[in-house]
PDB file of all heavy atoms in Angstrom:
ATOM      1  N   TYR A   1     -51.018  59.709-181.743  1.00  0.00           N
ATOM      2  CA  TYR A   1     -51.367  58.319-181.440  1.00  0.00           C
ATOM      3  C   TYR A   1     -50.116  57.538-181.037  1.00  0.00           C
ATOM      4  O   TYR A   1     -50.140  56.736-180.087  1.00  0.00           O
ATOM      5  CB  TYR A   1     -52.033  57.666-182.649  1.00  0.00           C
ATOM      6  CG  TYR A   1     -53.312  58.340-183.074  1.00  0.00           C
ATOM      7  CD1 TYR A   1     -53.342  59.239-184.130  1.00  0.00           C
ATOM      8  CD2 TYR A   1     -54.509  58.102-182.392  1.00  0.00           C
ATOM      9  CE1 TYR A   1     -54.511  59.871-184.522  1.00  0.00           C
ATOM     10  CE2 TYR A   1     -55.691  58.724-182.768  1.00  0.00           C
ATOM     11  CZ  TYR A   1     -55.688  59.613-183.829  1.00  0.00           C
ATOM     12  OH  TYR A   1     -56.849  60.245-184.203  1.00  0.00           O
ATOM     13  N   LEU A   2     -49.025  57.775-181.753  1.00  0.00           N
ATOM     14  CA  LEU A   2     -47.768  57.108-181.407  1.00  0.00           C
ATOM     15  C   LEU A   2     -47.254  57.562-180.048  1.00  0.00           C
ATOM     16  O   LEU A   2     -46.676  56.768-179.295  1.00  0.00           O
ATOM     17  CB  LEU A   2     -46.714  57.407-182.481  1.00  0.00           C
ATOM     18  CG  LEU A   2     -46.835  56.624-183.783  1.00  0.00           C
ATOM     19  CD1 LEU A   2     -45.825  57.132-184.797  1.00  0.00           C
ATOM     20  CD2 LEU A   2     -46.654  55.146-183.536  1.00  0.00           C
ATOM     21  N   LYS A   3     -47.453  58.833-179.734  1.00  0.00           N
ATOM     22  CA  LYS A   3     -47.023  59.348-178.432  1.00  0.00           C
ATOM     23  C   LYS A   3     -47.746  58.618-177.313  1.00  0.00           C
ATOM     24  O   LYS A   3     -47.132  58.183-176.338  1.00  0.00           O
ATOM     25  CB  LYS A   3     -47.279  60.852-178.360  1.00  0.00           C
ATOM     26  CG  LYS A   3     -46.971  61.478-177.009  1.00  0.00           C
ATOM     27  CD  LYS A   3     -45.491  61.401-176.661  1.00  0.00           C
ATOM     28  CE  LYS A   3     -44.651  62.330-177.490  1.00  0.00           C
ATOM     29  NZ  LYS A   3     -43.243  62.374-177.007  1.00  0.00           N
ATOM     30  N   VAL A   4     -49.059  58.449-177.447  1.00  0.00           N
ATOM     31  CA  VAL A   4     -49.839  57.743-176.424  1.00  0.00           C
ATOM     32  C   VAL A   4     -49.384  56.291-176.322  1.00  0.00           C
ATOM     33  O   VAL A   4     -49.194  55.764-175.219  1.00  0.00           O
ATOM     34  CB  VAL A   4     -51.344  57.815-176.747  1.00  0.00           C
ATOM     35  CG1 VAL A   4     -52.144  56.889-175.833  1.00  0.00           C
ATOM     36  CG2 VAL A   4     -51.853  59.246-176.588  1.00  0.00           C
ATOM     37  N   LYS A   5     -49.195  55.646-177.446  1.00  0.00           N
ATOM     38  CA  LYS A   5     -48.743  54.254-177.437  1.00  0.00           C
ATOM     39  C   LYS A   5     -47.400  54.106-176.729  1.00  0.00           C
ATOM     40  O   LYS A   5     -47.213  53.213-175.887  1.00  0.00           O
ATOM     41  CB  LYS A   5     -48.636  53.732-178.874  1.00  0.00           C
ATOM     42  CG  LYS A   5     -48.123  52.302-178.967  1.00  0.00           C
ATOM     43  CD  LYS A   5     -47.979  51.866-180.422  1.00  0.00           C
ATOM     44  CE  LYS A   5     -47.405  50.450-180.506  1.00  0.00           C
ATOM     45  NZ  LYS A   5     -47.264  49.994-181.915  1.00  0.00           N
ATOM     46  N   GLY A   6     -46.462  54.994-177.064  1.00  0.00           N
ATOM     47  CA  GLY A   6     -45.142  54.918-176.456  1.00  0.00           C
ATOM     48  C   GLY A   6     -45.161  55.147-174.963  1.00  0.00           C
ATOM     49  O   GLY A   6     -44.478  54.448-174.203  1.00  0.00           O
ATOM     50  N   LEU A   7     -45.950  56.116-174.517  1.00  0.00           N
ATOM     51  CA  LEU A   7     -46.036  56.399-173.079  1.00  0.00           C
ATOM     52  C   LEU A   7     -46.696  55.249-172.340  1.00  0.00           C
ATOM     53  O   LEU A   7     -46.270  54.879-171.238  1.00  0.00           O
ATOM     54  CB  LEU A   7     -46.806  57.697-172.845  1.00  0.00           C
ATOM     55  CG  LEU A   7     -46.084  58.982-173.277  1.00  0.00           C
ATOM     56  CD1 LEU A   7     -47.011  60.179-173.179  1.00  0.00           C
ATOM     57  CD2 LEU A   7     -44.838  59.224-172.421  1.00  0.00           C
ATOM     58  N   GLU A   8     -47.742  54.679-172.932  1.00  0.00           N
ATOM     59  CA  GLU A   8     -48.410  53.549-172.282  1.00  0.00           C
ATOM     60  C   GLU A   8     -47.474  52.354-172.171  1.00  0.00           C
ATOM     61  O   GLU A   8     -47.468  51.642-171.160  1.00  0.00           O
ATOM     62  CB  GLU A   8     -49.662  53.168-173.062  1.00  0.00           C
ATOM     63  CG  GLU A   8     -50.514  52.137-172.324  1.00  0.00           C
ATOM     64  CD  GLU A   8     -51.709  51.681-173.128  1.00  0.00           C
ATOM     65  OE1 GLU A   8     -51.643  51.692-174.370  1.00  0.00           O
ATOM     66  OE2 GLU A   8     -52.702  51.294-172.503  1.00  0.00           O
ATOM     67  N   GLN A   9     -46.651  52.129-173.187  1.00  0.00           N
ATOM     68  CA  GLN A   9     -45.683  51.031-173.148  1.00  0.00           C
ATOM     69  C   GLN A   9     -44.655  51.233-172.040  1.00  0.00           C
ATOM     70  O   GLN A   9     -44.049  50.267-171.579  1.00  0.00           O
ATOM     71  CB  GLN A   9     -44.987  50.904-174.502  1.00  0.00           C
ATOM     72  CG  GLN A   9     -45.876  50.321-175.589  1.00  0.00           C
ATOM     73  CD  GLN A   9     -45.204  50.298-176.954  1.00  0.00           C
ATOM     74  OE1 GLN A   9     -44.304  51.091-177.233  1.00  0.00           O
ATOM     75  NE2 GLN A   9     -45.617  49.387-177.814  1.00  0.00           N
ATOM     76  N   ARG A  10     -44.491  52.480-171.619  1.00  0.00           N
ATOM     77  CA  ARG A  10     -43.551  52.779-170.530  1.00  0.00           C
ATOM     78  C   ARG A  10     -44.285  52.868-169.193  1.00  0.00           C
ATOM     79  O   ARG A  10     -43.783  53.411-168.230  1.00  0.00           O
ATOM     80  CB  ARG A  10     -42.809  54.070-170.833  1.00  0.00           C
ATOM     81  CG  ARG A  10     -41.978  53.953-172.102  1.00  0.00           C
ATOM     82  CD  ARG A  10     -41.389  55.261-172.533  1.00  0.00           C
ATOM     83  NE  ARG A  10     -40.329  55.707-171.634  1.00  0.00           N
ATOM     84  CZ  ARG A  10     -39.571  56.769-171.849  1.00  0.00           C
ATOM     85  NH1 ARG A  10     -39.771  57.488-172.930  1.00  0.00           N
ATOM     86  NH2 ARG A  10     -38.631  57.109-170.991  1.00  0.00           N
ATOM     87  N   ASN A  11     -45.511  52.321-169.182  1.00  0.00           N
ATOM     88  CA  ASN A  11     -46.317  52.220-167.956  1.00  0.00           C
ATOM     89  C   ASN A  11     -46.716  53.578-167.374  1.00  0.00           C
ATOM     90  O   ASN A  11     -46.893  53.709-166.158  1.00  0.00           O
ATOM     91  CB  ASN A  11     -45.581  51.389-166.894  1.00  0.00           C
ATOM     92  CG  ASN A  11     -45.346  49.956-167.340  1.00  0.00           C
ATOM     93  OD1 ASN A  11     -46.235  49.324-167.886  1.00  0.00           O
ATOM     94  ND2 ASN A  11     -44.142  49.460-167.118  1.00  0.00           N
ATOM     95  N   VAL A  12     -46.848  54.574-168.236  1.00  0.00           N
ATOM     96  CA  VAL A  12     -47.386  55.862-167.796  1.00  0.00           C
ATOM     97  C   VAL A  12     -48.907  55.750-167.795  1.00  0.00           C
ATOM     98  O   VAL A  12     -49.498  55.267-168.764  1.00  0.00           O
ATOM     99  CB  VAL A  12     -46.939  57.007-168.729  1.00  0.00           C
ATOM    100  CG1 VAL A  12     -47.512  58.337-168.262  1.00  0.00           C
ATOM    101  CG2 VAL A  12     -45.410  57.075-168.780  1.00  0.00           C
ATOM    102  N   SER A  13     -49.550  56.168-166.725  1.00  0.00           N
ATOM    103  CA  SER A  13     -50.999  56.028-166.600  1.00  0.00           C
ATOM    104  C   SER A  13     -51.738  56.937-167.567  1.00  0.00           C
ATOM    105  O   SER A  13     -51.207  57.967-168.011  1.00  0.00           O
ATOM    106  CB  SER A  13     -51.434  56.355-165.174  1.00  0.00           C
ATOM    107  OG  SER A  13     -51.284  57.739-164.904  1.00  0.00           O
ATOM    108  N   ILE A  14     -52.979  56.553-167.896  1.00  0.00           N
ATOM    109  CA  ILE A  14     -53.827  57.364-168.773  1.00  0.00           C
ATOM    110  C   ILE A  14     -54.009  58.751-168.168  1.00  0.00           C
ATOM    111  O   ILE A  14     -53.999  59.768-168.874  1.00  0.00           O
ATOM    112  CB  ILE A  14     -55.195  56.689-168.983  1.00  0.00           C
ATOM    113  CG1 ILE A  14     -55.027  55.369-169.749  1.00  0.00           C
ATOM    114  CG2 ILE A  14     -56.151  57.621-169.724  1.00  0.00           C
ATOM    115  CD1 ILE A  14     -54.497  55.520-171.151  1.00  0.00           C
ATOM    116  N   GLU A  15     -54.149  58.812-166.862  1.00  0.00           N
ATOM    117  CA  GLU A  15     -54.320  60.094-166.178  1.00  0.00           C
ATOM    118  C   GLU A  15     -53.128  61.011-166.417  1.00  0.00           C
ATOM    119  O   GLU A  15     -53.287  62.205-166.716  1.00  0.00           O
ATOM    120  CB  GLU A  15     -54.509  59.858-164.678  1.00  0.00           C
ATOM    121  CG  GLU A  15     -54.701  61.127-163.871  1.00  0.00           C
ATOM    122  CD  GLU A  15     -54.827  60.864-162.384  1.00  0.00           C
ATOM    123  OE1 GLU A  15     -54.616  59.714-161.958  1.00  0.00           O
ATOM    124  OE2 GLU A  15     -55.126  61.822-161.644  1.00  0.00           O
ATOM    125  N   LYS A  16     -51.924  60.461-166.287  1.00  0.00           N
ATOM    126  CA  LYS A  16     -50.722  61.273-166.496  1.00  0.00           C
ATOM    127  C   LYS A  16     -50.561  61.673-167.957  1.00  0.00           C
ATOM    128  O   LYS A  16     -50.186  62.812-168.252  1.00  0.00           O
ATOM    129  CB  LYS A  16     -49.483  60.507-166.017  1.00  0.00           C
ATOM    130  CG  LYS A  16     -49.335  60.439-164.502  1.00  0.00           C
ATOM    131  CD  LYS A  16     -48.030  59.764-164.125  1.00  0.00           C
ATOM    132  CE  LYS A  16     -47.844  59.755-162.610  1.00  0.00           C
ATOM    133  NZ  LYS A  16     -46.567  59.100-162.223  1.00  0.00           N
ATOM    134  N   ILE A  17     -50.835  60.737-168.864  1.00  0.00           N
ATOM    135  CA  ILE A  17     -50.712  61.056-170.282  1.00  0.00           C
ATOM    136  C   ILE A  17     -51.648  62.205-170.644  1.00  0.00           C
ATOM    137  O   ILE A  17     -51.272  63.135-171.360  1.00  0.00           O
ATOM    138  CB  ILE A  17     -51.023  59.819-171.154  1.00  0.00           C
ATOM    139  CG1 ILE A  17     -50.003  58.702-170.892  1.00  0.00           C
ATOM    140  CG2 ILE A  17     -51.004  60.206-172.641  1.00  0.00           C
ATOM    141  CD1 ILE A  17     -50.330  57.393-171.585  1.00  0.00           C
ATOM    142  N   ALA A  18     -52.868  62.146-170.122  1.00  0.00           N
ATOM    143  CA  ALA A  18     -53.848  63.206-170.383  1.00  0.00           C
ATOM    144  C   ALA A  18     -53.339  64.550-169.866  1.00  0.00           C
ATOM    145  O   ALA A  18     -53.450  65.579-170.540  1.00  0.00           O
ATOM    146  CB  ALA A  18     -55.186  62.855-169.732  1.00  0.00           C
ATOM    147  N   ASP A  19     -52.754  64.525-168.686  1.00  0.00           N
ATOM    148  CA  ASP A  19     -52.225  65.762-168.095  1.00  0.00           C
ATOM    149  C   ASP A  19     -51.069  66.298-168.930  1.00  0.00           C
ATOM    150  O   ASP A  19     -51.011  67.494-169.237  1.00  0.00           O
ATOM    151  CB  ASP A  19     -51.774  65.473-166.662  1.00  0.00           C
ATOM    152  CG  ASP A  19     -51.195  66.710-165.982  1.00  0.00           C
ATOM    153  OD1 ASP A  19     -51.854  67.767-166.025  1.00  0.00           O
ATOM    154  OD2 ASP A  19     -50.090  66.623-165.409  1.00  0.00           O
ATOM    155  N   TRP A  20     -50.170  65.436-169.326  1.00  0.00           N
ATOM    156  CA  TRP A  20     -48.998  65.863-170.096  1.00  0.00           C
ATOM    157  C   TRP A  20     -49.385  66.411-171.464  1.00  0.00           C
ATOM    158  O   TRP A  20     -48.769  67.358-171.963  1.00  0.00           O
ATOM    159  CB  TRP A  20     -48.027  64.699-170.286  1.00  0.00           C
ATOM    160  CG  TRP A  20     -47.435  64.172-169.010  1.00  0.00           C
ATOM    161  CD1 TRP A  20     -47.687  64.610-167.733  1.00  0.00           C
ATOM    162  CD2 TRP A  20     -46.509  63.089-168.880  1.00  0.00           C
ATOM    163  NE1 TRP A  20     -46.977  63.863-166.822  1.00  0.00           N
ATOM    164  CE2 TRP A  20     -46.241  62.927-167.498  1.00  0.00           C
ATOM    165  CE3 TRP A  20     -45.897  62.232-169.795  1.00  0.00           C
ATOM    166  CZ2 TRP A  20     -45.378  61.954-167.009  1.00  0.00           C
ATOM    167  CZ3 TRP A  20     -45.038  61.253-169.316  1.00  0.00           C
ATOM    168  CH2 TRP A  20     -44.779  61.129-167.936  1.00  0.00           C
ATOM    169  N   MET A  21     -50.417  65.811-172.081  1.00  0.00           N
ATOM    170  CA  MET A  21     -50.802  66.200-173.427  1.00  0.00           C
ATOM    171  C   MET A  21     -51.877  67.279-173.453  1.00  0.00           C
ATOM    172  O   MET A  21     -52.281  67.738-174.525  1.00  0.00           O
ATOM    173  CB  MET A  21     -51.274  64.968-174.222  1.00  0.00           C
ATOM    174  CG  MET A  21     -50.175  63.977-174.518  1.00  0.00           C
ATOM    175  SD  MET A  21     -50.697  62.545-175.527  1.00  0.00           S
ATOM    176  CE  MET A  21     -51.078  63.324-177.086  1.00  0.00           C
ATOM    177  N   GLY A  22     -52.354  67.668-172.271  1.00  0.00           N
ATOM    178  CA  GLY A  22     -53.386  68.690-172.212  1.00  0.00           C
ATOM    179  C   GLY A  22     -54.716  68.223-172.768  1.00  0.00           C
ATOM    180  O   GLY A  22     -55.448  68.986-173.399  1.00  0.00           O
ATOM    181  N   GLU A  23     -55.034  66.932-172.554  1.00  0.00           N
ATOM    182  CA  GLU A  23     -56.272  66.342-173.055  1.00  0.00           C
ATOM    183  C   GLU A  23     -57.064  65.723-171.909  1.00  0.00           C
ATOM    184  O   GLU A  23     -56.562  65.585-170.793  1.00  0.00           O
ATOM    185  CB  GLU A  23     -55.967  65.239-174.090  1.00  0.00           C
ATOM    186  CG  GLU A  23     -55.312  65.715-175.368  1.00  0.00           C
ATOM    187  CD  GLU A  23     -56.300  66.388-176.314  1.00  0.00           C
ATOM    188  OE1 GLU A  23     -57.451  66.659-175.896  1.00  0.00           O
ATOM    189  OE2 GLU A  23     -55.918  66.647-177.468  1.00  0.00           O
ATOM    190  N   THR A  24     -58.309  65.321-172.188  1.00  0.00           N
ATOM    191  CA  THR A  24     -59.093  64.583-171.207  1.00  0.00           C
ATOM    192  C   THR A  24     -58.675  63.110-171.239  1.00  0.00           C
ATOM    193  O   THR A  24     -58.109  62.634-172.240  1.00  0.00           O
ATOM    194  CB  THR A  24     -60.600  64.676-171.515  1.00  0.00           C
ATOM    195  OG1 THR A  24     -60.853  64.024-172.777  1.00  0.00           O
ATOM    196  CG2 THR A  24     -61.059  66.125-171.584  1.00  0.00           C
ATOM    197  N   GLU A  25     -58.961  62.394-170.169  1.00  0.00           N
ATOM    198  CA  GLU A  25     -58.661  60.962-170.139  1.00  0.00           C
ATOM    199  C   GLU A  25     -59.450  60.226-171.216  1.00  0.00           C
ATOM    200  O   GLU A  25     -58.966  59.258-171.811  1.00  0.00           O
ATOM    201  CB  GLU A  25     -58.961  60.398-168.750  1.00  0.00           C
ATOM    202  CG  GLU A  25     -58.013  60.912-167.665  1.00  0.00           C
ATOM    203  CD  GLU A  25     -58.309  60.327-166.302  1.00  0.00           C
ATOM    204  OE1 GLU A  25     -58.662  59.127-166.223  1.00  0.00           O
ATOM    205  OE2 GLU A  25     -58.197  61.067-165.303  1.00  0.00           O
ATOM    206  N   GLY A  26     -60.691  60.695-171.473  1.00  0.00           N
ATOM    207  CA  GLY A  26     -61.501  60.076-172.517  1.00  0.00           C
ATOM    208  C   GLY A  26     -60.865  60.202-173.891  1.00  0.00           C
ATOM    209  O   GLY A  26     -60.904  59.266-174.696  1.00  0.00           O
ATOM    210  N   LYS A  27     -60.277  61.353-174.161  1.00  0.00           N
ATOM    211  CA  LYS A  27     -59.608  61.563-175.448  1.00  0.00           C
ATOM    212  C   LYS A  27     -58.375  60.677-175.573  1.00  0.00           C
ATOM    213  O   LYS A  27     -58.105  60.117-176.656  1.00  0.00           O
ATOM    214  CB  LYS A  27     -59.220  63.037-175.603  1.00  0.00           C
ATOM    215  CG  LYS A  27     -58.493  63.378-176.892  1.00  0.00           C
ATOM    216  CD  LYS A  27     -59.300  63.026-178.131  1.00  0.00           C
ATOM    217  CE  LYS A  27     -60.466  63.965-178.329  1.00  0.00           C
ATOM    218  NZ  LYS A  27     -61.141  63.733-179.651  1.00  0.00           N
ATOM    219  N   ILE A  28     -57.628  60.497-174.492  1.00  0.00           N
ATOM    220  CA  ILE A  28     -56.454  59.614-174.526  1.00  0.00           C
ATOM    221  C   ILE A  28     -56.878  58.171-174.762  1.00  0.00           C
ATOM    222  O   ILE A  28     -56.226  57.435-175.520  1.00  0.00           O
ATOM    223  CB  ILE A  28     -55.643  59.736-173.215  1.00  0.00           C
ATOM    224  CG1 ILE A  28     -55.137  61.170-173.028  1.00  0.00           C
ATOM    225  CG2 ILE A  28     -54.463  58.760-173.227  1.00  0.00           C
ATOM    226  CD1 ILE A  28     -54.306  61.713-174.175  1.00  0.00           C
ATOM    227  N   GLU A  29     -57.983  57.751-174.146  1.00  0.00           N
ATOM    228  CA  GLU A  29     -58.514  56.407-174.392  1.00  0.00           C
ATOM    229  C   GLU A  29     -58.882  56.256-175.866  1.00  0.00           C
ATOM    230  O   GLU A  29     -58.660  55.198-176.467  1.00  0.00           O
ATOM    231  CB  GLU A  29     -59.739  56.147-173.516  1.00  0.00           C
ATOM    232  CG  GLU A  29     -59.435  55.914-172.041  1.00  0.00           C
ATOM    233  CD  GLU A  29     -58.828  54.553-171.753  1.00  0.00           C
ATOM    234  OE1 GLU A  29     -58.690  53.747-172.704  1.00  0.00           O
ATOM    235  OE2 GLU A  29     -58.488  54.298-170.587  1.00  0.00           O
ATOM    236  N   GLU A  30     -59.446  57.313-176.432  1.00  0.00           N
ATOM    237  CA  GLU A  30     -59.793  57.283-177.855  1.00  0.00           C
ATOM    238  C   GLU A  30     -58.536  57.136-178.704  1.00  0.00           C
ATOM    239  O   GLU A  30     -58.499  56.309-179.638  1.00  0.00           O
ATOM    240  CB  GLU A  30     -60.526  58.572-178.235  1.00  0.00           C
ATOM    241  CG  GLU A  30     -60.918  58.645-179.705  1.00  0.00           C
ATOM    242  CD  GLU A  30     -61.555  59.976-180.069  1.00  0.00           C
ATOM    243  OE1 GLU A  30     -62.324  60.509-179.251  1.00  0.00           O
ATOM    244  OE2 GLU A  30     -61.259  60.482-181.174  1.00  0.00           O
ATOM    245  N   TYR A  31     -57.501  57.921-178.402  1.00  0.00           N
ATOM    246  CA  TYR A  31     -56.239  57.793-179.138  1.00  0.00           C
ATOM    247  C   TYR A  31     -55.692  56.367-179.033  1.00  0.00           C
ATOM    248  O   TYR A  31     -55.216  55.788-180.021  1.00  0.00           O
ATOM    249  CB  TYR A  31     -55.199  58.765-178.585  1.00  0.00           C
ATOM    250  CG  TYR A  31     -55.456  60.231-178.862  1.00  0.00           C
ATOM    251  CD1 TYR A  31     -54.784  61.211-178.139  1.00  0.00           C
ATOM    252  CD2 TYR A  31     -56.350  60.648-179.842  1.00  0.00           C
ATOM    253  CE1 TYR A  31     -54.998  62.568-178.380  1.00  0.00           C
ATOM    254  CE2 TYR A  31     -56.573  61.995-180.085  1.00  0.00           C
ATOM    255  CZ  TYR A  31     -55.895  62.943-179.350  1.00  0.00           C
ATOM    256  OH  TYR A  31     -56.105  64.286-179.587  1.00  0.00           O
ATOM    257  N   LYS A  32     -55.758  55.826-177.839  1.00  0.00           N
ATOM    258  CA  LYS A  32     -55.248  54.467-177.581  1.00  0.00           C
ATOM    259  C   LYS A  32     -55.998  53.435-178.429  1.00  0.00           C
ATOM    260  O   LYS A  32     -55.392  52.549-179.045  1.00  0.00           O
ATOM    261  CB  LYS A  32     -55.402  54.164-176.089  1.00  0.00           C
ATOM    262  CG  LYS A  32     -55.098  52.742-175.684  1.00  0.00           C
ATOM    263  CD  LYS A  32     -55.380  52.565-174.189  1.00  0.00           C
ATOM    264  CE  LYS A  32     -55.349  51.100-173.782  1.00  0.00           C
ATOM    265  NZ  LYS A  32     -55.678  50.933-172.343  1.00  0.00           N
ATOM    266  N   ASN A  33     -57.322  53.545-178.474  1.00  0.00           N
ATOM    267  CA  ASN A  33     -58.140  52.582-179.214  1.00  0.00           C
ATOM    268  C   ASN A  33     -57.934  52.710-180.719  1.00  0.00           C
ATOM    269  O   ASN A  33     -57.878  51.698-181.442  1.00  0.00           O
ATOM    270  CB  ASN A  33     -59.613  52.773-178.860  1.00  0.00           C
ATOM    271  CG  ASN A  33     -59.919  52.431-177.414  1.00  0.00           C
ATOM    272  OD1 ASN A  33     -59.204  51.653-176.791  1.00  0.00           O
ATOM    273  ND2 ASN A  33     -60.976  53.016-176.870  1.00  0.00           N
ATOM    274  N   VAL A  34     -57.815  53.945-181.205  1.00  0.00           N
ATOM    275  CA  VAL A  34     -57.574  54.152-182.632  1.00  0.00           C
ATOM    276  C   VAL A  34     -56.204  53.604-183.019  1.00  0.00           C
ATOM    277  O   VAL A  34     -56.044  52.973-184.072  1.00  0.00           O
ATOM    278  CB  VAL A  34     -57.697  55.648-182.998  1.00  0.00           C
ATOM    279  CG1 VAL A  34     -57.255  55.888-184.442  1.00  0.00           C
ATOM    280  CG2 VAL A  34     -59.128  56.132-182.808  1.00  0.00           C
ATOM    281  N   MET A  35     -55.199  53.810-182.159  1.00  0.00           N
ATOM    282  CA  MET A  35     -53.861  53.300-182.435  1.00  0.00           C
ATOM    283  C   MET A  35     -53.867  51.778-182.530  1.00  0.00           C
ATOM    284  O   MET A  35     -53.149  51.198-183.362  1.00  0.00           O
ATOM    285  CB  MET A  35     -52.905  53.756-181.330  1.00  0.00           C
ATOM    286  CG  MET A  35     -51.433  53.408-181.587  1.00  0.00           C
ATOM    287  SD  MET A  35     -50.648  54.408-182.873  1.00  0.00           S
ATOM    288  CE  MET A  35     -50.394  53.188-184.169  1.00  0.00           C
ATOM    289  N   LYS A  36     -54.693  51.121-181.711  1.00  0.00           N
ATOM    290  CA  LYS A  36     -54.793  49.649-181.767  1.00  0.00           C
ATOM    291  C   LYS A  36     -55.299  49.212-183.136  1.00  0.00           C
ATOM    292  O   LYS A  36     -54.764  48.259-183.732  1.00  0.00           O
ATOM    293  CB  LYS A  36     -55.756  49.169-180.670  1.00  0.00           C
ATOM    294  CG  LYS A  36     -56.135  47.700-180.739  1.00  0.00           C
ATOM    295  CD  LYS A  36     -54.954  46.783-180.505  1.00  0.00           C
ATOM    296  CE  LYS A  36     -55.377  45.334-180.311  1.00  0.00           C
ATOM    297  NZ  LYS A  36     -56.095  44.764-181.483  1.00  0.00           N
ATOM    298  N   ILE A  37     -56.307  49.898-183.675  1.00  0.00           N
ATOM    299  CA  ILE A  37     -56.827  49.549-184.996  1.00  0.00           C
ATOM    300  C   ILE A  37     -55.799  49.878-186.078  1.00  0.00           C
ATOM    301  O   ILE A  37     -55.639  49.132-187.054  1.00  0.00           O
ATOM    302  CB  ILE A  37     -58.151  50.285-185.275  1.00  0.00           C
ATOM    303  CG1 ILE A  37     -59.188  49.933-184.197  1.00  0.00           C
ATOM    304  CG2 ILE A  37     -58.691  49.923-186.661  1.00  0.00           C
ATOM    305  CD1 ILE A  37     -59.468  48.454-184.050  1.00  0.00           C
ATOM    306  N   MET A  38     -55.059  50.968-185.901  1.00  0.00           N
ATOM    307  CA  MET A  38     -53.993  51.300-186.851  1.00  0.00           C
ATOM    308  C   MET A  38     -52.950  50.197-186.891  1.00  0.00           C
ATOM    309  O   MET A  38     -52.485  49.795-187.978  1.00  0.00           O
ATOM    310  CB  MET A  38     -53.335  52.623-186.456  1.00  0.00           C
ATOM    311  CG  MET A  38     -54.196  53.848-186.700  1.00  0.00           C
ATOM    312  SD  MET A  38     -53.376  55.355-186.078  1.00  0.00           S
ATOM    313  CE  MET A  38     -54.466  56.632-186.742  1.00  0.00           C
ATOM    314  N   ASP A  39     -52.563  49.697-185.735  1.00  0.00           N
ATOM    315  CA  ASP A  39     -51.580  48.616-185.689  1.00  0.00           C
ATOM    316  C   ASP A  39     -52.136  47.336-186.315  1.00  0.00           C
ATOM    317  O   ASP A  39     -51.411  46.596-186.997  1.00  0.00           O
ATOM    318  CB  ASP A  39     -51.146  48.357-184.244  1.00  0.00           C
ATOM    319  CG  ASP A  39     -50.076  49.328-183.768  1.00  0.00           C
ATOM    320  OD1 ASP A  39     -49.277  49.784-184.606  1.00  0.00           O
ATOM    321  OD2 ASP A  39     -50.036  49.632-182.564  1.00  0.00           O
ATOM    322  N   ASP A  40     -53.426  47.044-186.081  1.00  0.00           N
ATOM    323  CA  ASP A  40     -54.052  45.874-186.713  1.00  0.00           C
ATOM    324  C   ASP A  40     -54.025  46.009-188.234  1.00  0.00           C
ATOM    325  O   ASP A  40     -53.785  45.029-188.956  1.00  0.00           O
ATOM    326  CB  ASP A  40     -55.501  45.731-186.246  1.00  0.00           C
ATOM    327  CG  ASP A  40     -55.618  45.290-184.790  1.00  0.00           C
ATOM    328  OD1 ASP A  40     -54.608  44.801-184.232  1.00  0.00           O
ATOM    329  OD2 ASP A  40     -56.708  45.434-184.207  1.00  0.00           O
ATOM    330  N   TYR A  41     -54.272  47.208-188.718  1.00  0.00           N
ATOM    331  CA  TYR A  41     -54.248  47.480-190.163  1.00  0.00           C
ATOM    332  C   TYR A  41     -52.849  47.232-190.730  1.00  0.00           C
ATOM    333  O   TYR A  41     -52.693  46.572-191.769  1.00  0.00           O
ATOM    334  CB  TYR A  41     -54.674  48.934-190.386  1.00  0.00           C
ATOM    335  CG  TYR A  41     -54.436  49.495-191.763  1.00  0.00           C
ATOM    336  CD1 TYR A  41     -55.334  49.251-192.802  1.00  0.00           C
ATOM    337  CD2 TYR A  41     -53.340  50.322-192.018  1.00  0.00           C
ATOM    338  CE1 TYR A  41     -55.128  49.801-194.064  1.00  0.00           C
ATOM    339  CE2 TYR A  41     -53.129  50.872-193.283  1.00  0.00           C
ATOM    340  CZ  TYR A  41     -54.027  50.600-194.301  1.00  0.00           C
ATOM    341  OH  TYR A  41     -53.821  51.149-195.548  1.00  0.00           O
ATOM    342  N   LEU A  42     -51.830  47.753-190.061  1.00  0.00           N
ATOM    343  CA  LEU A  42     -50.456  47.567-190.536  1.00  0.00           C
ATOM    344  C   LEU A  42     -50.068  46.089-190.528  1.00  0.00           C
ATOM    345  O   LEU A  42     -49.394  45.608-191.454  1.00  0.00           O
ATOM    346  CB  LEU A  42     -49.490  48.382-189.671  1.00  0.00           C
ATOM    347  CG  LEU A  42     -49.619  49.908-189.769  1.00  0.00           C
ATOM    348  CD1 LEU A  42     -48.667  50.589-188.800  1.00  0.00           C
ATOM    349  CD2 LEU A  42     -49.373  50.396-191.195  1.00  0.00           C
ATOM    350  N   GLU A  43     -50.506  45.373-189.503  1.00  0.00           N
ATOM    351  CA  GLU A  43     -50.205  43.937-189.440  1.00  0.00           C
ATOM    352  C   GLU A  43     -50.922  43.187-190.561  1.00  0.00           C
ATOM    353  O   GLU A  43     -50.351  42.286-191.184  1.00  0.00           O
ATOM    354  CB  GLU A  43     -50.621  43.377-188.082  1.00  0.00           C
ATOM    355  CG  GLU A  43     -50.272  41.914-187.903  1.00  0.00           C
ATOM    356  CD  GLU A  43     -50.584  41.388-186.515  1.00  0.00           C
ATOM    357  OE1 GLU A  43     -51.040  42.180-185.664  1.00  0.00           O
ATOM    358  OE2 GLU A  43     -50.383  40.182-186.288  1.00  0.00           O
ATOM    359  N   TYR A  44     -52.167  43.562-190.822  1.00  0.00           N
ATOM    360  CA  TYR A  44     -52.953  42.931-191.893  1.00  0.00           C
ATOM    361  C   TYR A  44     -52.254  43.074-193.239  1.00  0.00           C
ATOM    362  O   TYR A  44     -52.261  42.164-194.076  1.00  0.00           O
ATOM    363  CB  TYR A  44     -54.343  43.568-191.930  1.00  0.00           C
ATOM    364  CG  TYR A  44     -55.185  43.230-193.130  1.00  0.00           C
ATOM    365  CD1 TYR A  44     -55.699  41.945-193.319  1.00  0.00           C
ATOM    366  CD2 TYR A  44     -55.486  44.204-194.090  1.00  0.00           C
ATOM    367  CE1 TYR A  44     -56.480  41.638-194.426  1.00  0.00           C
ATOM    368  CE2 TYR A  44     -56.268  43.908-195.200  1.00  0.00           C
ATOM    369  CZ  TYR A  44     -56.759  42.624-195.365  1.00  0.00           C
ATOM    370  OH  TYR A  44     -57.537  42.327-196.466  1.00  0.00           O
ATOM    371  N   LEU A  45     -51.607  44.214-193.453  1.00  0.00           N
ATOM    372  CA  LEU A  45     -50.934  44.475-194.721  1.00  0.00           C
ATOM    373  C   LEU A  45     -49.441  44.141-194.694  1.00  0.00           C
ATOM    374  O   LEU A  45     -48.716  44.429-195.650  1.00  0.00           O
ATOM    375  CB  LEU A  45     -51.111  45.951-195.101  1.00  0.00           C
ATOM    376  CG  LEU A  45     -52.553  46.394-195.390  1.00  0.00           C
ATOM    377  CD1 LEU A  45     -52.614  47.898-195.588  1.00  0.00           C
ATOM    378  CD2 LEU A  45     -53.114  45.675-196.601  1.00  0.00           C
TER     379      LEU A  45
END
């Protein structure tokens, strides 16, 4: 999840991240969305 977040912050496209990680674009979107909730949780606490 951190890997996806870091790559997205460096303006790497979802398509490229999926290719680099050997995943589907849908799975990368899922990682991205879960990471957003993880960050919200950390901020809440």
